[in-house]
Amino acid sequence: MDFGTIEIICRPCSKCRKAEEVLIKAIRLLESEYKTSYKYDIKRNSDLRQAAKYSANISCTPFIIINGNLAFAGKVTDVNAVRYILLSMMRSNRLPFR
């Protein structure tokens, strides 16, 4: 399975590193839950002007874009919340599912 491109838009800081860790933990949780493997490519972008095309408030960093869709904006710390959002994106066919 392929999650595709995951882009984190944020200036390099502890919030974006933590967001990446939480995102990877949520993906691994889904992998173990559905007994599958997901491929993903995480890219970091420090150009905050890119967030404007998603109509996001620049002060709400980091922004996590999955396959061109704004998935998260702001502090990302809860693995279960991220897992739930990823699962709902899968079910609405914005991400591949099984």
Protein backbone atom coordinates (compact mmCIF):
# COMPACT_ATOMS: atom_id res chain seq x y z
CA MET A 1 0.00 0.00 0.00
CA ASP A 2 1.13 3.53 -0.65
CA PHE A 3 0.32 6.63 1.39
CA GLY A 4 2.08 8.70 -1.24
CA THR A 5 3.68 11.99 -0.39
CA ILE A 6 3.49 13.46 3.08
CA GLU A 7 4.71 17.04 3.25
CA ILE A 8 5.42 18.86 6.49
CA ILE A 9 5.41 22.62 6.06
CA CYS A 10 7.14 24.29 8.99
CA ARG A 11 10.33 26.03 9.87
CA PRO A 12 12.68 23.47 11.42
CA CYS A 13 11.75 23.24 15.09
CA SER A 14 10.82 20.75 17.79
CA LYS A 15 7.10 20.92 16.85
CA CYS A 16 7.68 19.64 13.33
CA ARG A 17 10.02 16.89 14.54
CA LYS A 18 7.39 15.81 17.10
CA ALA A 19 4.66 15.94 14.44
CA GLU A 20 6.71 13.68 12.18
CA GLU A 21 7.29 11.20 15.02
CA VAL A 22 3.58 11.11 15.90
CA LEU A 23 2.64 10.67 12.23
CA ILE A 24 5.04 7.76 11.80
CA LYS A 25 3.76 6.12 15.01
CA ALA A 26 0.16 6.45 13.77
CA ILE A 27 1.05 4.89 10.41
CA ARG A 28 2.82 2.01 12.17
CA LEU A 29 -0.22 1.55 14.39
CA LEU A 30 -2.42 1.24 11.29
CA GLU A 31 0.09 -1.17 9.73
CA SER A 32 -0.05 -3.47 12.74
CA GLU A 33 -3.83 -3.13 13.03
CA TYR A 34 -4.51 -4.05 9.38
CA LYS A 35 -1.48 -6.35 8.99
CA THR A 36 -0.18 -4.51 5.96
CA SER A 37 2.69 -2.24 5.03
CA TYR A 38 2.36 1.35 3.83
CA LYS A 39 4.94 3.16 1.75
CA TYR A 40 5.28 6.88 2.31
CA ASP A 41 7.69 9.63 1.45
CA ILE A 42 8.02 12.43 4.01
CA LYS A 43 9.25 15.76 2.69
CA ARG A 44 9.96 18.85 4.75
CA ASN A 45 9.29 22.30 3.40
CA SER A 46 10.25 25.44 5.30
CA ASP A 47 8.51 27.84 2.88
CA LEU A 48 5.45 28.93 4.85
CA ARG A 49 4.01 30.65 1.77
CA GLN A 50 3.13 27.16 0.49
CA ALA A 51 0.55 26.88 3.29
CA ALA A 52 -1.39 29.80 1.81
CA LYS A 53 -2.73 27.64 -1.01
CA TYR A 54 -4.48 25.50 1.62
CA SER A 55 -6.15 28.57 3.19
CA ALA A 56 -4.34 27.89 6.44
CA ASN A 57 -3.37 30.40 9.09
CA ILE A 58 0.42 30.80 8.96
CA SER A 59 0.63 30.89 12.76
CA CYS A 60 -0.74 27.32 13.00
CA THR A 61 2.43 25.45 12.13
CA PRO A 62 3.24 22.69 11.37
CA PHE A 63 1.02 21.85 8.41
CA ILE A 64 0.86 18.23 7.29
CA ILE A 65 -0.21 17.73 3.70
CA ILE A 66 -1.01 14.19 2.57
CA ASN A 67 -1.38 13.66 -1.19
CA GLY A 68 -2.27 17.31 -1.69
CA ASN A 69 -4.87 17.43 1.11
CA LEU A 70 -4.37 19.43 4.29
CA ALA A 71 -4.61 16.76 6.98
CA PHE A 72 -3.36 18.62 10.07
CA ALA A 73 -2.58 22.18 11.06
CA GLY A 74 -1.09 23.12 14.39
CA LYS A 75 0.37 21.09 17.21
CA VAL A 76 0.20 17.35 16.52
CA THR A 77 0.80 15.26 19.65
CA ASP A 78 -1.95 12.64 20.00
CA VAL A 79 -1.17 9.41 18.11
CA ASN A 80 -4.76 8.12 18.38
CA ALA A 81 -6.20 11.35 16.98
CA VAL A 82 -3.79 11.20 14.04
CA ARG A 83 -4.65 7.52 13.50
CA TYR A 84 -8.36 8.37 13.50
CA ILE A 85 -7.90 11.18 10.93
CA LEU A 86 -5.77 8.94 8.70
CA LEU A 87 -8.40 6.22 8.95
CA SER A 88 -11.21 8.63 8.03
CA MET A 89 -9.14 9.90 5.08
CA MET A 90 -8.74 6.28 3.94
CA ARG A 91 -12.45 5.61 4.23
CA SER A 92 -13.36 8.74 2.27
CA ASN A 93 -11.06 7.51 -0.53
CA ARG A 94 -8.55 10.33 -0.12
CA LEU A 95 -5.96 7.69 0.82
CA PRO A 96 -5.60 4.11 -0.39
CA PHE A 97 -7.07 1.56 2.00
CA ARG A 98 -6.15 -2.14 2.08
